[in-house]
Amino acid sequence: LTDSGKAIAQKVLDKHHRITGWLLKAGVARDKAEKEACRME
């Protein structure tokens, strides 16, 4: 990754982790939370 590519990738990955966490806290099953976070990010 270039610095620009790494910055974009990190931003997407951070969104993914946070959204997954929110969905898990809301009671969504882990598999479903991961898949939906991947779309929402």
PDB file of all heavy atoms in Angstrom:
ATOM      1  N   LEU A   1       0.837  -1.196   0.000  1.00  0.00           N
ATOM      2  CA  LEU A   1       0.000   0.000   0.000  1.00  0.00           C
ATOM      3  C   LEU A   1       0.872   1.245   0.000  1.00  0.00           C
ATOM      4  O   LEU A   1       1.904   1.285   0.677  1.00  0.00           O
ATOM      5  CB  LEU A   1      -0.885   0.025   1.257  1.00  0.00           C
ATOM      6  CG  LEU A   1      -1.942  -1.059   1.378  1.00  0.00           C
ATOM      7  CD1 LEU A   1      -2.514  -1.075   2.793  1.00  0.00           C
ATOM      8  CD2 LEU A   1      -3.041  -0.847   0.362  1.00  0.00           C
ATOM      9  N   THR A   2       0.456   2.251  -0.736  1.00  0.00           N
ATOM     10  CA  THR A   2       1.103   3.554  -0.620  1.00  0.00           C
ATOM     11  C   THR A   2       0.533   4.216   0.640  1.00  0.00           C
ATOM     12  O   THR A   2      -0.412   3.700   1.251  1.00  0.00           O
ATOM     13  CB  THR A   2       0.804   4.437  -1.844  1.00  0.00           C
ATOM     14  OG1 THR A   2      -0.613   4.681  -1.883  1.00  0.00           O
ATOM     15  CG2 THR A   2       1.288   3.792  -3.134  1.00  0.00           C
ATOM     16  N   ASP A   3       1.064   5.346   1.004  1.00  0.00           N
ATOM     17  CA  ASP A   3       0.527   6.063   2.166  1.00  0.00           C
ATOM     18  C   ASP A   3      -0.950   6.406   1.961  1.00  0.00           C
ATOM     19  O   ASP A   3      -1.757   6.266   2.884  1.00  0.00           O
ATOM     20  CB  ASP A   3       1.327   7.343   2.442  1.00  0.00           C
ATOM     21  CG  ASP A   3       2.720   7.052   2.989  1.00  0.00           C
ATOM     22  OD1 ASP A   3       2.951   5.926   3.490  1.00  0.00           O
ATOM     23  OD2 ASP A   3       3.584   7.953   2.913  1.00  0.00           O
ATOM     24  N   SER A   4      -1.300   6.821   0.751  1.00  0.00           N
ATOM     25  CA  SER A   4      -2.706   7.149   0.454  1.00  0.00           C
ATOM     26  C   SER A   4      -3.588   5.910   0.540  1.00  0.00           C
ATOM     27  O   SER A   4      -4.689   5.948   1.091  1.00  0.00           O
ATOM     28  CB  SER A   4      -2.841   7.744  -0.951  1.00  0.00           C
ATOM     29  OG  SER A   4      -2.134   8.944  -1.052  1.00  0.00           O
ATOM     30  N   GLY A   5      -3.112   4.804  -0.018  1.00  0.00           N
ATOM     31  CA  GLY A   5      -3.867   3.558   0.034  1.00  0.00           C
ATOM     32  C   GLY A   5      -4.039   3.062   1.452  1.00  0.00           C
ATOM     33  O   GLY A   5      -5.111   2.593   1.843  1.00  0.00           O
ATOM     34  N   LYS A   6      -2.984   3.195   2.235  1.00  0.00           N
ATOM     35  CA  LYS A   6      -3.043   2.761   3.638  1.00  0.00           C
ATOM     36  C   LYS A   6      -4.038   3.610   4.429  1.00  0.00           C
ATOM     37  O   LYS A   6      -4.792   3.094   5.255  1.00  0.00           O
ATOM     38  CB  LYS A   6      -1.659   2.826   4.271  1.00  0.00           C
ATOM     39  CG  LYS A   6      -1.587   2.215   5.642  1.00  0.00           C
ATOM     40  CD  LYS A   6      -0.159   2.187   6.157  1.00  0.00           C
ATOM     41  CE  LYS A   6      -0.101   1.565   7.526  1.00  0.00           C
ATOM     42  NZ  LYS A   6       1.275   1.492   8.038  1.00  0.00           N
ATOM     43  N   ALA A   7      -4.065   4.905   4.161  1.00  0.00           N
ATOM     44  CA  ALA A   7      -4.991   5.797   4.871  1.00  0.00           C
ATOM     45  C   ALA A   7      -6.445   5.426   4.569  1.00  0.00           C
ATOM     46  O   ALA A   7      -7.285   5.367   5.477  1.00  0.00           O
ATOM     47  CB  ALA A   7      -4.725   7.252   4.494  1.00  0.00           C
ATOM     48  N   ILE A   8      -6.736   5.159   3.309  1.00  0.00           N
ATOM     49  CA  ILE A   8      -8.103   4.768   2.936  1.00  0.00           C
ATOM     50  C   ILE A   8      -8.448   3.421   3.562  1.00  0.00           C
ATOM     51  O   ILE A   8      -9.519   3.246   4.139  1.00  0.00           O
ATOM     52  CB  ILE A   8      -8.265   4.717   1.404  1.00  0.00           C
ATOM     53  CG1 ILE A   8      -8.170   6.126   0.821  1.00  0.00           C
ATOM     54  CG2 ILE A   8      -9.593   4.065   1.028  1.00  0.00           C
ATOM     55  CD1 ILE A   8      -8.057   6.163  -0.699  1.00  0.00           C
ATOM     56  N   ALA A   9      -7.533   2.463   3.457  1.00  0.00           N
ATOM     57  CA  ALA A   9      -7.778   1.124   4.006  1.00  0.00           C
ATOM     58  C   ALA A   9      -8.013   1.189   5.510  1.00  0.00           C
ATOM     59  O   ALA A   9      -8.915   0.536   6.036  1.00  0.00           O
ATOM     60  CB  ALA A   9      -6.598   0.213   3.693  1.00  0.00           C
ATOM     61  N   GLN A  10      -7.216   1.983   6.200  1.00  0.00           N
ATOM     62  CA  GLN A  10      -7.356   2.092   7.661  1.00  0.00           C
ATOM     63  C   GLN A  10      -8.687   2.720   8.041  1.00  0.00           C
ATOM     64  O   GLN A  10      -9.338   2.284   8.988  1.00  0.00           O
ATOM     65  CB  GLN A  10      -6.200   2.901   8.254  1.00  0.00           C
ATOM     66  CG  GLN A  10      -6.144   2.835   9.759  1.00  0.00           C
ATOM     67  CD  GLN A  10      -5.920   1.419  10.264  1.00  0.00           C
ATOM     68  OE1 GLN A  10      -4.918   0.785   9.933  1.00  0.00           O
ATOM     69  NE2 GLN A  10      -6.846   0.911  11.049  1.00  0.00           N
ATOM     70  N   LYS A  11      -9.104   3.701   7.267  1.00  0.00           N
ATOM     71  CA  LYS A  11     -10.384   4.357   7.513  1.00  0.00           C
ATOM     72  C   LYS A  11     -11.544   3.370   7.345  1.00  0.00           C
ATOM     73  O   LYS A  11     -12.454   3.309   8.179  1.00  0.00           O
ATOM     74  CB  LYS A  11     -10.536   5.540   6.554  1.00  0.00           C
ATOM     75  CG  LYS A  11     -11.725   6.401   6.780  1.00  0.00           C
ATOM     76  CD  LYS A  11     -11.618   7.571   5.802  1.00  0.00           C
ATOM     77  CE  LYS A  11     -12.797   8.443   5.825  1.00  0.00           C
ATOM     78  NZ  LYS A  11     -12.679   9.541   4.880  1.00  0.00           N
ATOM     79  N   VAL A  12     -11.496   2.580   6.288  1.00  0.00           N
ATOM     80  CA  VAL A  12     -12.543   1.580   6.032  1.00  0.00           C
ATOM     81  C   VAL A  12     -12.525   0.515   7.129  1.00  0.00           C
ATOM     82  O   VAL A  12     -13.577   0.120   7.649  1.00  0.00           O
ATOM     83  CB  VAL A  12     -12.379   0.941   4.634  1.00  0.00           C
ATOM     84  CG1 VAL A  12     -13.363  -0.206   4.436  1.00  0.00           C
ATOM     85  CG2 VAL A  12     -12.555   1.977   3.542  1.00  0.00           C
ATOM     86  N   LEU A  13     -11.341   0.064   7.503  1.00  0.00           N
ATOM     87  CA  LEU A  13     -11.225  -0.958   8.540  1.00  0.00           C
ATOM     88  C   LEU A  13     -11.720  -0.437   9.889  1.00  0.00           C
ATOM     89  O   LEU A  13     -12.410  -1.159  10.630  1.00  0.00           O
ATOM     90  CB  LEU A  13      -9.781  -1.448   8.646  1.00  0.00           C
ATOM     91  CG  LEU A  13      -9.518  -2.632   9.564  1.00  0.00           C
ATOM     92  CD1 LEU A  13     -10.327  -3.857   9.131  1.00  0.00           C
ATOM     93  CD2 LEU A  13      -8.028  -2.955   9.608  1.00  0.00           C
ATOM     94  N   ASP A  14     -11.407   0.804  10.204  1.00  0.00           N
ATOM     95  CA  ASP A  14     -11.896   1.408  11.454  1.00  0.00           C
ATOM     96  C   ASP A  14     -13.423   1.471  11.461  1.00  0.00           C
ATOM     97  O   ASP A  14     -14.061   1.138  12.460  1.00  0.00           O
ATOM     98  CB  ASP A  14     -11.326   2.815  11.648  1.00  0.00           C
ATOM     99  CG  ASP A  14      -9.848   2.818  11.983  1.00  0.00           C
ATOM    100  OD1 ASP A  14      -9.300   1.753  12.348  1.00  0.00           O
ATOM    101  OD2 ASP A  14      -9.229   3.894  11.867  1.00  0.00           O
ATOM    102  N   LYS A  15     -14.005   1.893  10.337  1.00  0.00           N
ATOM    103  CA  LYS A  15     -15.467   1.918  10.233  1.00  0.00           C
ATOM    104  C   LYS A  15     -16.029   0.516  10.456  1.00  0.00           C
ATOM    105  O   LYS A  15     -17.002   0.339  11.184  1.00  0.00           O
ATOM    106  CB  LYS A  15     -15.925   2.433   8.864  1.00  0.00           C
ATOM    107  CG  LYS A  15     -15.911   3.917   8.701  1.00  0.00           C
ATOM    108  CD  LYS A  15     -16.482   4.277   7.326  1.00  0.00           C
ATOM    109  CE  LYS A  15     -16.554   5.771   7.108  1.00  0.00           C
ATOM    110  NZ  LYS A  15     -17.137   6.113   5.791  1.00  0.00           N
ATOM    111  N   HIS A  16     -15.408  -0.459   9.817  1.00  0.00           N
ATOM    112  CA  HIS A  16     -15.873  -1.840   9.932  1.00  0.00           C
ATOM    113  C   HIS A  16     -15.879  -2.292  11.394  1.00  0.00           C
ATOM    114  O   HIS A  16     -16.872  -2.844  11.876  1.00  0.00           O
ATOM    115  CB  HIS A  16     -15.002  -2.776   9.097  1.00  0.00           C
ATOM    116  CG  HIS A  16     -15.413  -4.204   9.183  1.00  0.00           C
ATOM    117  ND1 HIS A  16     -16.396  -4.730   8.390  1.00  0.00           N
ATOM    118  CD2 HIS A  16     -15.010  -5.201  10.004  1.00  0.00           C
ATOM    119  CE1 HIS A  16     -16.569  -6.001   8.704  1.00  0.00           C
ATOM    120  NE2 HIS A  16     -15.735  -6.303   9.683  1.00  0.00           N
ATOM    121  N   HIS A  17     -14.768  -2.062  12.088  1.00  0.00           N
ATOM    122  CA  HIS A  17     -14.671  -2.493  13.482  1.00  0.00           C
ATOM    123  C   HIS A  17     -15.705  -1.797  14.369  1.00  0.00           C
ATOM    124  O   HIS A  17     -16.353  -2.433  15.201  1.00  0.00           O
ATOM    125  CB  HIS A  17     -13.266  -2.247  14.026  1.00  0.00           C
ATOM    126  CG  HIS A  17     -12.233  -3.181  13.488  1.00  0.00           C
ATOM    127  ND1 HIS A  17     -12.387  -4.545  13.420  1.00  0.00           N
ATOM    128  CD2 HIS A  17     -11.006  -2.933  12.973  1.00  0.00           C
ATOM    129  CE1 HIS A  17     -11.316  -5.101  12.906  1.00  0.00           C
ATOM    130  NE2 HIS A  17     -10.455  -4.140  12.610  1.00  0.00           N
ATOM    131  N   ARG A  18     -15.850  -0.497  14.191  1.00  0.00           N
ATOM    132  CA  ARG A  18     -16.800   0.245  15.029  1.00  0.00           C
ATOM    133  C   ARG A  18     -18.247  -0.175  14.745  1.00  0.00           C
ATOM    134  O   ARG A  18     -19.030  -0.385  15.671  1.00  0.00           O
ATOM    135  CB  ARG A  18     -16.628   1.734  14.837  1.00  0.00           C
ATOM    136  CG  ARG A  18     -15.322   2.234  15.415  1.00  0.00           C
ATOM    137  CD  ARG A  18     -15.271   3.741  15.454  1.00  0.00           C
ATOM    138  NE  ARG A  18     -13.944   4.214  15.711  1.00  0.00           N
ATOM    139  CZ  ARG A  18     -13.388   4.266  16.919  1.00  0.00           C
ATOM    140  NH1 ARG A  18     -14.056   3.866  17.956  1.00  0.00           N
ATOM    141  NH2 ARG A  18     -12.163   4.725  17.069  1.00  0.00           N
ATOM    142  N   ILE A  19     -18.595  -0.275  13.466  1.00  0.00           N
ATOM    143  CA  ILE A  19     -19.970  -0.660  13.119  1.00  0.00           C
ATOM    144  C   ILE A  19     -20.255  -2.076  13.613  1.00  0.00           C
ATOM    145  O   ILE A  19     -21.331  -2.346  14.158  1.00  0.00           O
ATOM    146  CB  ILE A  19     -20.215  -0.522  11.600  1.00  0.00           C
ATOM    147  CG1 ILE A  19     -20.173   0.956  11.195  1.00  0.00           C
ATOM    148  CG2 ILE A  19     -21.556  -1.146  11.216  1.00  0.00           C
ATOM    149  CD1 ILE A  19     -20.121   1.199   9.692  1.00  0.00           C
ATOM    150  N   THR A  20     -19.297  -2.981  13.452  1.00  0.00           N
ATOM    151  CA  THR A  20     -19.478  -4.340  13.963  1.00  0.00           C
ATOM    152  C   THR A  20     -19.727  -4.302  15.471  1.00  0.00           C
ATOM    153  O   THR A  20     -20.635  -4.969  15.975  1.00  0.00           O
ATOM    154  CB  THR A  20     -18.242  -5.217  13.657  1.00  0.00           C
ATOM    155  OG1 THR A  20     -18.053  -5.282  12.244  1.00  0.00           O
ATOM    156  CG2 THR A  20     -18.407  -6.621  14.206  1.00  0.00           C
ATOM    157  N   GLY A  21     -18.944  -3.508  16.169  1.00  0.00           N
ATOM    158  CA  GLY A  21     -19.114  -3.381  17.624  1.00  0.00           C
ATOM    159  C   GLY A  21     -20.489  -2.860  17.998  1.00  0.00           C
ATOM    160  O   GLY A  21     -21.125  -3.368  18.939  1.00  0.00           O
ATOM    161  N   TRP A  22     -20.952  -1.858  17.288  1.00  0.00           N
ATOM    162  CA  TRP A  22     -22.281  -1.311  17.572  1.00  0.00           C
ATOM    163  C   TRP A  22     -23.354  -2.367  17.349  1.00  0.00           C
ATOM    164  O   TRP A  22     -24.280  -2.501  18.149  1.00  0.00           O
ATOM    165  CB  TRP A  22     -22.574  -0.099  16.699  1.00  0.00           C
ATOM    166  CG  TRP A  22     -21.640   1.056  16.883  1.00  0.00           C
ATOM    167  CD1 TRP A  22     -20.874   1.346  17.985  1.00  0.00           C
ATOM    168  CD2 TRP A  22     -21.346   2.082  15.929  1.00  0.00           C
ATOM    169  NE1 TRP A  22     -20.136   2.485  17.771  1.00  0.00           N
ATOM    170  CE2 TRP A  22     -20.407   2.951  16.517  1.00  0.00           C
ATOM    171  CE3 TRP A  22     -21.783   2.331  14.641  1.00  0.00           C
ATOM    172  CZ2 TRP A  22     -19.910   4.072  15.861  1.00  0.00           C
ATOM    173  CZ3 TRP A  22     -21.286   3.446  13.985  1.00  0.00           C
ATOM    174  CH2 TRP A  22     -20.365   4.308  14.587  1.00  0.00           C
ATOM    175  N   LEU A  23     -23.239  -3.096  16.251  1.00  0.00           N
ATOM    176  CA  LEU A  23     -24.239  -4.123  15.949  1.00  0.00           C
ATOM    177  C   LEU A  23     -24.212  -5.243  16.990  1.00  0.00           C
ATOM    178  O   LEU A  23     -25.265  -5.740  17.410  1.00  0.00           O
ATOM    179  CB  LEU A  23     -24.023  -4.678  14.543  1.00  0.00           C
ATOM    180  CG  LEU A  23     -24.261  -3.682  13.402  1.00  0.00           C
ATOM    181  CD1 LEU A  23     -23.837  -4.284  12.061  1.00  0.00           C
ATOM    182  CD2 LEU A  23     -25.707  -3.236  13.355  1.00  0.00           C
ATOM    183  N   LEU A  24     -23.019  -5.622  17.418  1.00  0.00           N
ATOM    184  CA  LEU A  24     -22.912  -6.654  18.457  1.00  0.00           C
ATOM    185  C   LEU A  24     -23.540  -6.180  19.766  1.00  0.00           C
ATOM    186  O   LEU A  24     -24.263  -6.937  20.423  1.00  0.00           O
ATOM    187  CB  LEU A  24     -21.450  -7.049  18.677  1.00  0.00           C
ATOM    188  CG  LEU A  24     -20.790  -7.829  17.541  1.00  0.00           C
ATOM    189  CD1 LEU A  24     -19.297  -7.972  17.793  1.00  0.00           C
ATOM    190  CD2 LEU A  24     -21.444  -9.195  17.382  1.00  0.00           C
ATOM    191  N   LYS A  25     -23.272  -4.932  20.141  1.00  0.00           N
ATOM    192  CA  LYS A  25     -23.870  -4.369  21.362  1.00  0.00           C
ATOM    193  C   LYS A  25     -25.385  -4.317  21.266  1.00  0.00           C
ATOM    194  O   LYS A  25     -26.078  -4.417  22.273  1.00  0.00           O
ATOM    195  CB  LYS A  25     -23.320  -2.976  21.639  1.00  0.00           C
ATOM    196  CG  LYS A  25     -21.948  -2.963  22.232  1.00  0.00           C
ATOM    197  CD  LYS A  25     -21.526  -1.545  22.566  1.00  0.00           C
ATOM    198  CE  LYS A  25     -20.158  -1.530  23.189  1.00  0.00           C
ATOM    199  NZ  LYS A  25     -19.746  -0.165  23.549  1.00  0.00           N
ATOM    200  N   ALA A  26     -25.892  -4.153  20.052  1.00  0.00           N
ATOM    201  CA  ALA A  26     -27.336  -4.090  19.853  1.00  0.00           C
ATOM    202  C   ALA A  26     -27.966  -5.490  19.841  1.00  0.00           C
ATOM    203  O   ALA A  26     -29.182  -5.620  19.738  1.00  0.00           O
ATOM    204  CB  ALA A  26     -27.660  -3.368  18.544  1.00  0.00           C
ATOM    205  N   GLY A  27     -27.130  -6.535  19.931  1.00  0.00           N
ATOM    206  CA  GLY A  27     -27.652  -7.887  20.004  1.00  0.00           C
ATOM    207  C   GLY A  27     -27.671  -8.650  18.696  1.00  0.00           C
ATOM    208  O   GLY A  27     -28.232  -9.735  18.618  1.00  0.00           O
ATOM    209  N   VAL A  28     -27.034  -8.114  17.675  1.00  0.00           N
ATOM    210  CA  VAL A  28     -26.974  -8.808  16.380  1.00  0.00           C
ATOM    211  C   VAL A  28     -25.931  -9.928  16.485  1.00  0.00           C
ATOM    212  O   VAL A  28     -24.868  -9.738  17.074  1.00  0.00           O
ATOM    213  CB  VAL A  28     -26.592  -7.819  15.248  1.00  0.00           C
ATOM    214  CG1 VAL A  28     -26.438  -8.521  13.921  1.00  0.00           C
ATOM    215  CG2 VAL A  28     -27.616  -6.692  15.158  1.00  0.00           C
ATOM    216  N   ALA A  29     -26.245 -11.083  15.932  1.00  0.00           N
ATOM    217  CA  ALA A  29     -25.314 -12.217  15.930  1.00  0.00           C
ATOM    218  C   ALA A  29     -24.025 -11.831  15.207  1.00  0.00           C
ATOM    219  O   ALA A  29     -24.050 -11.066  14.242  1.00  0.00           O
ATOM    220  CB  ALA A  29     -25.960 -13.428  15.256  1.00  0.00           C
ATOM    221  N   ARG A  30     -22.887 -12.386  15.667  1.00  0.00           N
ATOM    222  CA  ARG A  30     -21.573 -11.997  15.135  1.00  0.00           C
ATOM    223  C   ARG A  30     -21.484 -12.144  13.617  1.00  0.00           C
ATOM    224  O   ARG A  30     -21.029 -11.223  12.936  1.00  0.00           O
ATOM    225  CB  ARG A  30     -20.444 -12.791  15.788  1.00  0.00           C
ATOM    226  CG  ARG A  30     -19.089 -12.421  15.180  1.00  0.00           C
ATOM    227  CD  ARG A  30     -17.915 -12.825  15.999  1.00  0.00           C
ATOM    228  NE  ARG A  30     -17.793 -12.134  17.253  1.00  0.00           N
ATOM    229  CZ  ARG A  30     -17.275 -10.902  17.408  1.00  0.00           C
ATOM    230  NH1 ARG A  30     -16.874 -10.223  16.363  1.00  0.00           N
ATOM    231  NH2 ARG A  30     -17.174 -10.352  18.596  1.00  0.00           N
ATOM    232  N   ASP A  31     -21.873 -13.281  13.060  1.00  0.00           N
ATOM    233  CA  ASP A  31     -21.789 -13.472  11.604  1.00  0.00           C
ATOM    234  C   ASP A  31     -22.564 -12.397  10.854  1.00  0.00           C
ATOM    235  O   ASP A  31     -22.066 -11.816   9.887  1.00  0.00           O
ATOM    236  CB  ASP A  31     -22.335 -14.847  11.201  1.00  0.00           C
ATOM    237  CG  ASP A  31     -21.274 -15.921  11.196  1.00  0.00           C
ATOM    238  OD1 ASP A  31     -20.118 -15.628  11.547  1.00  0.00           O
ATOM    239  OD2 ASP A  31     -21.609 -17.060  10.819  1.00  0.00           O
ATOM    240  N   LYS A  32     -23.776 -12.151  11.302  1.00  0.00           N
ATOM    241  CA  LYS A  32     -24.622 -11.154  10.652  1.00  0.00           C
ATOM    242  C   LYS A  32     -24.029  -9.757  10.839  1.00  0.00           C
ATOM    243  O   LYS A  32     -24.017  -8.946   9.905  1.00  0.00           O
ATOM    244  CB  LYS A  32     -26.035 -11.215  11.219  1.00  0.00           C
ATOM    245  CG  LYS A  32     -27.026 -10.353  10.485  1.00  0.00           C
ATOM    246  CD  LYS A  32     -28.438 -10.584  11.013  1.00  0.00           C
ATOM    247  CE  LYS A  32     -29.448  -9.806  10.196  1.00  0.00           C
ATOM    248  NZ  LYS A  32     -30.821 -10.045  10.673  1.00  0.00           N
ATOM    249  N   ALA A  33     -23.522  -9.466  12.030  1.00  0.00           N
ATOM    250  CA  ALA A  33     -22.922  -8.154  12.299  1.00  0.00           C
ATOM    251  C   ALA A  33     -21.731  -7.912  11.379  1.00  0.00           C
ATOM    252  O   ALA A  33     -21.581  -6.820  10.822  1.00  0.00           O
ATOM    253  CB  ALA A  33     -22.504  -8.051  13.763  1.00  0.00           C
ATOM    254  N   GLU A  34     -20.871  -8.917  11.208  1.00  0.00           N
ATOM    255  CA  GLU A  34     -19.696  -8.785  10.340  1.00  0.00           C
ATOM    256  C   GLU A  34     -20.107  -8.533   8.892  1.00  0.00           C
ATOM    257  O   GLU A  34     -19.567  -7.644   8.236  1.00  0.00           O
ATOM    258  CB  GLU A  34     -18.833 -10.051  10.412  1.00  0.00           C
ATOM    259  CG  GLU A  34     -18.069 -10.201  11.693  1.00  0.00           C
ATOM    260  CD  GLU A  34     -16.856  -9.307  11.797  1.00  0.00           C
ATOM    261  OE1 GLU A  34     -16.421  -8.718  10.785  1.00  0.00           O
ATOM    262  OE2 GLU A  34     -16.329  -9.182  12.910  1.00  0.00           O
ATOM    263  N   LYS A  35     -21.065  -9.316   8.396  1.00  0.00           N
ATOM    264  CA  LYS A  35     -21.503  -9.167   7.010  1.00  0.00           C
ATOM    265  C   LYS A  35     -22.163  -7.811   6.772  1.00  0.00           C
ATOM    266  O   LYS A  35     -21.910  -7.155   5.760  1.00  0.00           O
ATOM    267  CB  LYS A  35     -22.479 -10.291   6.636  1.00  0.00           C
ATOM    268  CG  LYS A  35     -21.804 -11.621   6.450  1.00  0.00           C
ATOM    269  CD  LYS A  35     -22.806 -12.713   6.157  1.00  0.00           C
ATOM    270  CE  LYS A  35     -22.116 -14.061   6.122  1.00  0.00           C
ATOM    271  NZ  LYS A  35     -23.068 -15.160   6.064  1.00  0.00           N
ATOM    272  N   GLU A  36     -23.012  -7.395   7.700  1.00  0.00           N
ATOM    273  CA  GLU A  36     -23.711  -6.118   7.522  1.00  0.00           C
ATOM    274  C   GLU A  36     -22.762  -4.942   7.698  1.00  0.00           C
ATOM    275  O   GLU A  36     -22.877  -3.938   6.989  1.00  0.00           O
ATOM    276  CB  GLU A  36     -24.918  -6.051   8.443  1.00  0.00           C
ATOM    277  CG  GLU A  36     -25.984  -7.042   8.010  1.00  0.00           C
ATOM    278  CD  GLU A  36     -27.286  -6.959   8.787  1.00  0.00           C
ATOM    279  OE1 GLU A  36     -27.396  -6.154   9.725  1.00  0.00           O
ATOM    280  OE2 GLU A  36     -28.198  -7.722   8.424  1.00  0.00           O
ATOM    281  N   ALA A  37     -21.813  -5.047   8.611  1.00  0.00           N
ATOM    282  CA  ALA A  37     -20.824  -3.980   8.777  1.00  0.00           C
ATOM    283  C   ALA A  37     -19.995  -3.825   7.512  1.00  0.00           C
ATOM    284  O   ALA A  37     -19.660  -2.701   7.116  1.00  0.00           O
ATOM    285  CB  ALA A  37     -19.922  -4.275   9.975  1.00  0.00           C
ATOM    286  N   CYS A  38     -19.702  -4.934   6.846  1.00  0.00           N
ATOM    287  CA  CYS A  38     -18.926  -4.892   5.606  1.00  0.00           C
ATOM    288  C   CYS A  38     -19.666  -4.109   4.531  1.00  0.00           C
ATOM    289  O   CYS A  38     -19.045  -3.406   3.742  1.00  0.00           O
ATOM    290  CB  CYS A  38     -18.617  -6.309   5.131  1.00  0.00           C
ATOM    291  SG  CYS A  38     -17.346  -6.353   3.867  1.00  0.00           S
ATOM    292  N   ARG A  39     -20.959  -4.202   4.511  1.00  0.00           N
ATOM    293  CA  ARG A  39     -21.747  -3.433   3.534  1.00  0.00           C
ATOM    294  C   ARG A  39     -21.892  -1.982   3.977  1.00  0.00           C
ATOM    295  O   ARG A  39     -21.795  -1.058   3.174  1.00  0.00           O
ATOM    296  CB  ARG A  39     -23.106  -4.085   3.355  1.00  0.00           C
ATOM    297  CG  ARG A  39     -22.986  -5.461   2.682  1.00  0.00           C
ATOM    298  CD  ARG A  39     -24.274  -6.199   2.559  1.00  0.00           C
ATOM    299  NE  ARG A  39     -25.187  -5.470   1.699  1.00  0.00           N
ATOM    300  CZ  ARG A  39     -26.502  -5.610   1.741  1.00  0.00           C
ATOM    301  NH1 ARG A  39     -27.060  -6.428   2.590  1.00  0.00           N
ATOM    302  NH2 ARG A  39     -27.267  -4.923   0.928  1.00  0.00           N
ATOM    303  N   MET A  40     -22.140  -1.774   5.269  1.00  0.00           N
ATOM    304  CA  MET A  40     -22.394  -0.427   5.780  1.00  0.00           C
ATOM    305  C   MET A  40     -21.153   0.462   5.735  1.00  0.00           C
ATOM    306  O   MET A  40     -21.265   1.672   5.538  1.00  0.00           O
ATOM    307  CB  MET A  40     -22.927  -0.517   7.217  1.00  0.00           C
ATOM    308  CG  MET A  40     -24.296  -1.172   7.310  1.00  0.00           C
ATOM    309  SD  MET A  40     -24.760  -1.627   9.002  1.00  0.00           S
ATOM    310  CE  MET A  40     -25.045   0.004   9.699  1.00  0.00           C
ATOM    311  N   GLU A  41     -19.981  -0.122   5.913  1.00  0.00           N
ATOM    312  CA  GLU A  41     -18.748   0.666   5.956  1.00  0.00           C
ATOM    313  C   GLU A  41     -18.526   1.458   4.678  1.00  0.00           C
ATOM    314  O   GLU A  41     -17.843   2.475   4.680  1.00  0.00           O
ATOM    315  CB  GLU A  41     -17.550  -0.243   6.230  1.00  0.00           C
ATOM    316  CG  GLU A  41     -17.186  -1.140   5.076  1.00  0.00           C
ATOM    317  CD  GLU A  41     -16.298  -2.308   5.438  1.00  0.00           C
ATOM    318  OE1 GLU A  41     -16.269  -2.721   6.604  1.00  0.00           O
ATOM    319  OE2 GLU A  41     -15.628  -2.814   4.521  1.00  0.00           O
TER     320      GLU A  41
END
